Protein backbone atom coordinates (compact mmCIF):
# COMPACT_ATOMS: atom_id res chain seq x y z
CA MET A 1 211.61 82.27 -21.88
CA VAL A 2 214.03 79.54 -23.51
CA THR A 3 215.81 77.34 -21.14
CA LEU A 4 218.79 75.38 -22.18
CA GLU A 5 220.11 72.66 -19.81
CA PHE A 6 223.70 71.93 -19.96
CA GLY A 7 226.18 69.43 -18.44
CA PRO A 8 229.84 68.78 -18.23
CA ALA A 9 230.00 67.15 -21.61
CA ASP A 10 228.46 70.27 -23.20
CA LEU A 11 231.31 72.43 -22.00
CA LEU A 12 233.62 70.49 -24.20
CA HIS A 13 231.48 71.12 -27.33
CA CYS A 14 230.72 75.02 -27.15
CA ARG A 15 232.08 76.90 -29.95
CA PHE A 16 231.86 79.95 -32.05
CA ALA A 17 231.08 80.58 -35.65
CA ILE A 18 230.22 83.18 -38.13
CA SER A 19 227.62 82.68 -40.75
CA PRO A 20 227.53 85.14 -43.96
CA LEU A 21 224.01 83.66 -44.70
CA TRP A 22 222.61 84.45 -41.37
CA GLU A 23 224.03 88.14 -41.71
CA THR A 24 222.33 88.23 -45.21
CA ALA A 25 218.98 87.13 -43.91
CA ALA A 26 219.19 89.55 -40.94
CA ALA A 27 220.24 92.35 -43.28
CA VAL A 28 217.00 91.84 -45.41
CA ARG A 29 214.91 92.03 -42.26
CA CYS A 30 216.69 95.25 -41.22
CA LEU A 31 215.50 96.82 -44.60
CA LEU A 32 212.07 95.38 -44.18
CA TYR A 33 211.44 96.48 -40.55
CA PRO A 34 214.04 99.36 -39.95
CA HIS A 35 212.37 101.10 -37.01
CA ALA A 36 213.97 98.95 -34.17
CA ARG A 37 217.53 99.18 -35.51
CA THR A 38 218.67 102.75 -34.99
CA ALA A 39 222.32 101.86 -34.81
CA LEU A 40 222.03 100.32 -38.32
CA LEU A 41 220.42 103.44 -39.97
CA PRO A 42 223.50 104.73 -41.71
CA TRP A 43 223.78 101.30 -43.44
CA ILE A 44 220.05 101.04 -44.20
CA ARG A 45 219.98 104.60 -45.75
CA ALA A 46 222.61 103.73 -48.20
CA GLN A 47 220.95 100.53 -49.45
CA PRO A 48 218.76 100.48 -52.76
CA PRO A 49 214.89 100.29 -52.13
CA VAL A 50 213.67 97.10 -50.91
CA SER A 51 211.60 96.62 -53.83
CA SER A 52 214.59 96.49 -56.11
CA LEU A 53 215.77 93.38 -54.33
CA GLN A 54 212.72 91.37 -55.90
CA LEU A 55 212.15 89.34 -52.73
CA GLY A 56 209.32 87.58 -53.86
CA ALA A 57 208.38 84.67 -51.58
CA LEU A 58 211.23 85.30 -49.23
CA ARG A 59 209.56 88.35 -47.83
CA ALA A 60 206.76 85.92 -46.57
CA MET A 61 209.31 83.75 -44.76
CA LEU A 62 210.97 86.66 -42.95
CA PRO A 63 208.37 88.09 -40.60
CA GLU A 64 209.25 90.93 -38.29
CA TYR A 65 208.27 88.69 -35.14
CA GLY A 66 207.90 85.08 -34.83
CA TYR A 67 209.41 81.94 -36.05
CA VAL A 68 211.67 82.22 -39.30
CA PRO A 69 212.39 78.75 -41.14
CA ASP A 70 215.67 77.35 -39.65
CA PHE A 71 216.57 75.72 -42.96
CA LEU A 72 217.13 79.24 -44.57
CA THR A 73 220.01 80.02 -42.19
CA PRO A 74 221.21 76.39 -40.72
CA PRO A 75 223.76 76.69 -38.04
CA PRO A 76 227.27 76.70 -39.58
CA ALA A 77 229.14 73.25 -39.43
CA ARG A 78 232.38 75.05 -39.67
CA ARG A 79 233.82 78.25 -37.96
CA CYS A 80 233.36 80.49 -41.07
CA PRO A 81 231.77 78.80 -43.93
CA ALA A 82 231.72 80.37 -47.54
CA ILE A 83 228.41 81.73 -48.62
CA ASP A 84 228.18 79.22 -51.45
CA ASP A 85 228.57 76.29 -49.06
CA GLU A 86 225.71 77.64 -46.75
CA LEU A 87 223.37 78.24 -49.79
CA HIS A 88 224.27 74.55 -50.91
CA ARG A 89 222.89 73.35 -47.49
CA VAL A 90 219.57 75.37 -48.06
CA ARG A 91 219.01 73.92 -51.40
CA ALA A 92 219.68 70.31 -49.95
CA THR A 93 217.18 70.59 -47.18
CA PRO A 94 214.69 67.59 -47.14
CA PRO A 95 211.46 68.57 -48.49
CA SER A 96 209.56 67.31 -45.58
CA ARG A 97 211.67 69.53 -43.32
CA ALA A 98 211.38 72.53 -45.60
CA HIS A 99 207.55 72.15 -45.69
CA ALA A 100 207.09 71.75 -41.94
CA GLU A 101 209.28 74.98 -41.12
CA MET A 102 207.53 77.21 -43.91
CA ARG A 103 204.15 75.78 -42.74
CA ARG A 104 205.16 76.77 -39.11
CA THR A 105 206.14 80.36 -40.30
CA ALA A 106 203.05 80.90 -42.34
CA GLY A 107 200.55 80.05 -39.65
CA PRO A 108 197.12 81.13 -40.72
CA ARG A 109 198.47 82.82 -43.85
CA ALA A 110 199.25 79.34 -45.39
CA SER A 111 196.31 79.60 -47.73
CA ALA A 112 197.66 82.82 -49.31
CA PRO A 113 198.83 82.04 -53.01
CA THR A 114 202.47 82.84 -52.47
CA ILE A 115 202.85 80.62 -49.51
CA ARG A 116 200.64 77.97 -51.02
CA GLY A 117 202.95 77.75 -53.97
CA LEU A 118 205.88 77.34 -51.57
CA LEU A 119 204.29 74.39 -49.64
CA ASN A 120 203.04 72.59 -52.77
CA ASP A 121 206.79 72.13 -53.89
CA PRO A 122 209.05 72.56 -51.00
CA ALA A 123 212.24 71.30 -52.74
CA GLN A 124 211.65 73.88 -55.49
CA ALA A 125 210.81 76.64 -52.77
CA ALA A 126 214.17 75.86 -51.02
CA SER A 127 216.07 76.39 -54.35
CA GLU A 128 214.34 79.50 -55.13
CA LEU A 129 214.71 81.03 -51.84
CA ALA A 130 218.43 80.22 -51.85
CA ASP A 131 218.70 82.00 -55.21
CA THR A 132 216.98 84.90 -53.64
CA LEU A 133 219.18 85.01 -50.70
CA HIS A 134 222.32 84.87 -52.95
CA ARG A 135 221.12 88.02 -54.88
CA CYS A 136 220.58 89.73 -51.45
CA TRP A 137 224.20 88.73 -50.44
CA ASP A 138 225.58 90.00 -53.68
CA THR A 139 223.71 93.52 -53.32
CA LEU A 140 223.68 93.98 -49.52
CA LEU A 141 226.53 92.07 -47.90
CA ARG A 142 229.39 91.21 -50.36
CA PRO A 143 230.60 94.84 -50.57
CA HIS A 144 230.77 95.25 -46.70
CA TRP A 145 231.71 91.67 -45.93
CA PRO A 146 235.40 92.39 -44.94
CA ARG A 147 234.43 95.09 -42.43
CA VAL A 148 231.44 93.03 -41.08
CA ARG A 149 233.77 89.82 -40.69
CA ASP A 150 236.27 92.03 -38.82
CA VAL A 151 233.84 92.98 -36.33
CA LEU A 152 232.56 89.49 -35.93
CA GLU A 153 236.03 88.10 -35.63
CA GLY A 154 236.97 90.78 -33.02
CA ASP A 155 234.11 89.76 -30.86
CA ILE A 156 235.10 86.01 -30.94
CA ALA A 157 238.45 87.01 -30.03
CA TYR A 158 237.18 88.94 -27.09
CA GLN A 159 234.58 86.42 -25.94
CA SER A 160 237.46 83.74 -26.21
CA ARG A 161 239.58 85.69 -23.77
CA ARG A 162 236.71 86.04 -21.36
CA LEU A 163 235.90 82.35 -21.42
CA THR A 164 239.57 81.78 -20.66
CA ASP A 165 239.64 84.33 -17.82
CA SER A 166 236.20 83.85 -16.24
CA GLY A 167 234.64 80.57 -17.42
CA ILE A 168 231.48 79.69 -19.34
CA GLN A 169 228.92 81.12 -17.12
CA ALA A 170 230.56 84.55 -16.90
CA LEU A 171 230.83 84.44 -20.73
CA LEU A 172 227.17 83.59 -21.28
CA ALA A 173 225.97 86.13 -18.72
CA GLY A 174 227.98 88.85 -20.32
CA LEU A 175 226.70 88.22 -23.95
CA HIS A 176 223.52 90.17 -23.53
CA PRO A 177 221.28 91.36 -20.67
CA GLY A 178 218.74 88.75 -21.97
CA VAL A 179 220.91 85.89 -21.14
CA HIS A 180 220.89 84.46 -17.53
CA CYS A 181 222.71 81.42 -16.01
CA ALA A 182 221.45 79.62 -12.98
CA GLY A 183 222.83 76.25 -12.01
CA GLN A 184 222.77 73.88 -14.96
CA CYS A 185 220.57 76.06 -16.95
CA ILE A 186 220.96 78.99 -19.36
CA HIS A 187 217.74 81.18 -19.52
CA ILE A 188 217.16 83.28 -22.60
CA ASP A 189 214.56 85.92 -22.69
CA SER A 190 212.09 85.18 -25.32
CA PRO A 191 208.38 85.52 -25.87
CA SER A 192 208.32 81.67 -26.37
CA ARG A 193 208.47 79.16 -23.79
CA GLU A 194 210.89 76.21 -24.68
CA ARG A 195 213.20 73.90 -22.96
CA ARG A 196 216.01 71.69 -24.39
CA ASP A 197 218.68 69.51 -22.89
CA LEU A 198 221.82 70.18 -24.68
CA ALA A 199 222.58 66.43 -24.18
CA GLY A 200 226.33 66.73 -24.76
CA HIS A 201 226.03 68.63 -28.18
CA GLY A 202 227.20 71.79 -26.63
CA LEU A 203 226.13 75.21 -27.63
CA LEU A 204 227.03 77.21 -30.80
CA LEU A 205 227.65 80.88 -30.19
CA MET A 206 227.25 83.17 -33.11
CA PRO A 207 227.96 87.09 -32.96
CA SER A 208 225.75 89.12 -35.34
CA VAL A 209 225.91 92.60 -36.70
CA PHE A 210 222.57 92.75 -38.46
CA ASN A 211 220.54 90.98 -35.81
CA TRP A 212 221.43 93.95 -33.39
CA PRO A 213 220.16 94.57 -30.77
CA ALA A 214 218.04 91.25 -30.69
CA LEU A 215 218.89 87.71 -29.41
CA SER A 216 217.90 84.68 -31.42
CA VAL A 217 218.18 81.05 -30.49
CA TYR A 218 217.76 77.53 -32.38
CA THR A 219 216.17 75.01 -30.16
CA ASP A 220 214.50 72.67 -32.70
CA ARG A 221 216.02 69.43 -33.52
CA PRO A 222 217.97 68.39 -35.70
CA TRP A 223 219.62 71.66 -35.71
CA GLN A 224 222.64 72.35 -33.60
CA PRO A 225 221.51 74.55 -30.35
CA THR A 226 222.68 77.92 -31.19
CA LEU A 227 222.55 81.28 -29.62
CA ILE A 228 222.86 84.51 -31.78
CA TYR A 229 223.82 87.63 -29.95
CA PRO A 230 224.89 91.23 -30.84
CA ALA A 231 228.58 91.50 -31.75
CA ARG A 232 230.46 94.05 -29.83
CA GLY A 233 231.18 97.10 -32.12
CA ALA A 234 228.33 96.38 -34.25
CA ALA A 235 226.56 99.61 -33.41
CA ALA A 236 229.81 101.67 -34.32
CA LEU A 237 230.58 99.74 -37.56
CA TRP A 238 229.02 102.31 -39.85
CA LEU A 239 230.52 105.47 -38.34
CA SER A 240 232.68 107.18 -41.08
CA THR A 241 235.10 108.42 -38.71
CA HIS A 242 236.77 107.32 -35.34
CA PRO A 243 237.19 109.86 -32.72
CA HIS A 244 240.50 110.79 -31.36
CA PRO A 245 241.73 113.64 -29.36
CA ALA A 246 243.05 116.67 -31.36
CA ALA A 247 246.14 117.02 -29.09
CA LEU A 248 247.09 113.45 -29.67
CA ALA A 249 246.76 113.89 -33.45
CA GLU A 250 249.04 116.87 -33.30
CA LEU A 251 251.51 114.83 -31.26
CA ILE A 252 251.76 111.58 -33.19
CA GLY A 253 249.78 112.37 -36.46
CA ARG A 254 246.17 112.06 -37.30
CA THR A 255 246.52 108.68 -38.90
CA ARG A 256 248.52 107.18 -36.12
CA ALA A 257 246.05 108.66 -33.46
CA THR A 258 243.23 107.10 -35.51
CA ILE A 259 245.08 103.65 -35.55
CA LEU A 260 245.86 103.83 -31.80
CA ASP A 261 242.27 104.54 -31.06
CA LEU A 262 241.28 101.50 -33.13
CA LEU A 263 243.43 98.95 -31.33
CA THR A 264 241.12 98.12 -28.40
CA GLU A 265 241.16 94.46 -29.47
CA PRO A 266 243.93 92.44 -31.18
CA THR A 267 243.72 93.81 -34.84
CA SER A 268 245.44 92.63 -38.08
CA THR A 269 247.14 94.97 -40.40
CA ALA A 270 244.52 94.41 -43.12
CA ARG A 271 241.66 95.36 -40.79
CA VAL A 272 243.61 98.48 -39.50
CA ALA A 273 244.07 99.48 -43.10
CA ARG A 274 240.35 98.94 -44.03
CA THR A 275 239.06 100.68 -40.92
CA ALA A 276 241.49 103.70 -41.06
CA GLY A 277 241.00 104.13 -44.74
CA VAL A 278 244.69 103.56 -45.79
CA SER A 279 246.62 101.07 -47.84
CA SER A 280 248.30 98.03 -46.12
CA PRO A 281 251.78 99.22 -46.61
CA THR A 282 250.89 102.50 -45.00
CA ALA A 283 249.14 100.96 -42.15
CA SER A 284 252.08 98.58 -41.59
CA ALA A 285 254.37 101.61 -41.49
CA HIS A 286 252.30 103.36 -38.96
CA LEU A 287 252.04 100.29 -36.80
CA HIS A 288 255.68 99.66 -36.78
CA THR A 289 256.33 103.29 -35.55
CA LEU A 290 253.83 102.85 -32.95
CA LEU A 291 255.33 99.40 -31.92
CA ALA A 292 258.70 101.07 -31.73
CA THR A 293 257.59 103.70 -29.31
CA GLY A 294 256.02 101.21 -26.94
CA LEU A 295 252.33 102.38 -27.49
CA ILE A 296 251.40 99.08 -29.00
CA THR A 297 252.19 95.34 -28.75
CA ARG A 298 251.93 92.41 -31.17
CA ASN A 299 251.46 88.72 -31.12
CA ARG A 300 250.97 85.93 -33.74
CA VAL A 301 247.62 84.15 -33.92
CA GLY A 302 248.10 81.32 -36.41
CA ARG A 303 249.58 82.97 -39.65
CA GLU A 304 248.31 86.33 -38.60
CA VAL A 305 250.09 88.99 -36.60
CA ARG A 306 247.67 91.02 -34.58
CA TYR A 307 248.18 94.49 -32.78
CA ARG A 308 246.89 95.91 -29.58
CA ARG A 309 247.38 99.03 -27.43
CA THR A 310 249.91 98.49 -24.37
CA ILE A 311 249.28 100.01 -21.02
CA LEU A 312 251.19 103.04 -22.08
CA GLY A 313 249.02 103.47 -25.20
CA GLU A 314 245.91 103.21 -22.96
CA ALA A 315 247.21 105.86 -20.65
CA LEU A 316 248.07 108.26 -23.41
CA LEU A 317 244.68 108.06 -24.89
CA ALA A 318 243.06 108.35 -21.56
CA ASN A 319 245.18 111.35 -20.53
CA GLN A 320 244.36 113.16 -23.73
CA GLN A 321 240.72 112.44 -23.43
CA LEU A 322 240.62 114.24 -19.79
CA THR A 323 242.33 117.36 -21.09
């Protein structure tokens, strides 16, 4: 079990972030070890063979179980960094840190030729591993990133509301069955036994699609203490259609019924268009019709307008599902 000790100062420094690089590394692990990730099988089956990715030494640094070098996926310094910025941090890893973390991952395999080559020149290894991750991003994640990011952003919006409504302990306890709060401690189910005082640095919370259904945690210094948890909606991301009652589709139209079904969380026009498979102008027109009938509401978040079902919209869906 991993135990994180937190105090009042840590509450002021808890934040959420999204990491394209973390999702990339996790996606590679999904392809390498698919048996435990049944919800991601539609995506896995659509990918090229693992051999075509030319993973090289990266494969040795991504074991199915146990420690993965933290420098390969450093906790984001900003809310949603660009992939190039994250890869720059990988390449800039101090050689001593890269060596120590790769050596820890290798364990008794350190004498294998591939790993020995990494350890002999850790600076070059960090650069080459970053190049491989960049190729994996281009092949595996870039085409799907808008949809993946939508799920991650939707999870953060949901969790932020829970934090406002119920407080930090209720938020943490609701992230995953493996997270428990007791007094001034956060307990995270894990085969390793570690304890770290957050010491005023707070906790970084990072939803993930491709790490589903697992929890991961950063506890080693100098990294920001970080908890990676399964994002809400990750399991349904790769479904090609969204169910909606046939009677409701006849009443308001199939596309509007689909959109109404989507609006569980505040959602932008762009995300509605992508998920429903329509153009942005078409999505906007349907949203305005639903808004005029009182089935949805809207509010502005920064520069973005987001839509969500009203109580009337919820009741209409619920009644149709019961008939």
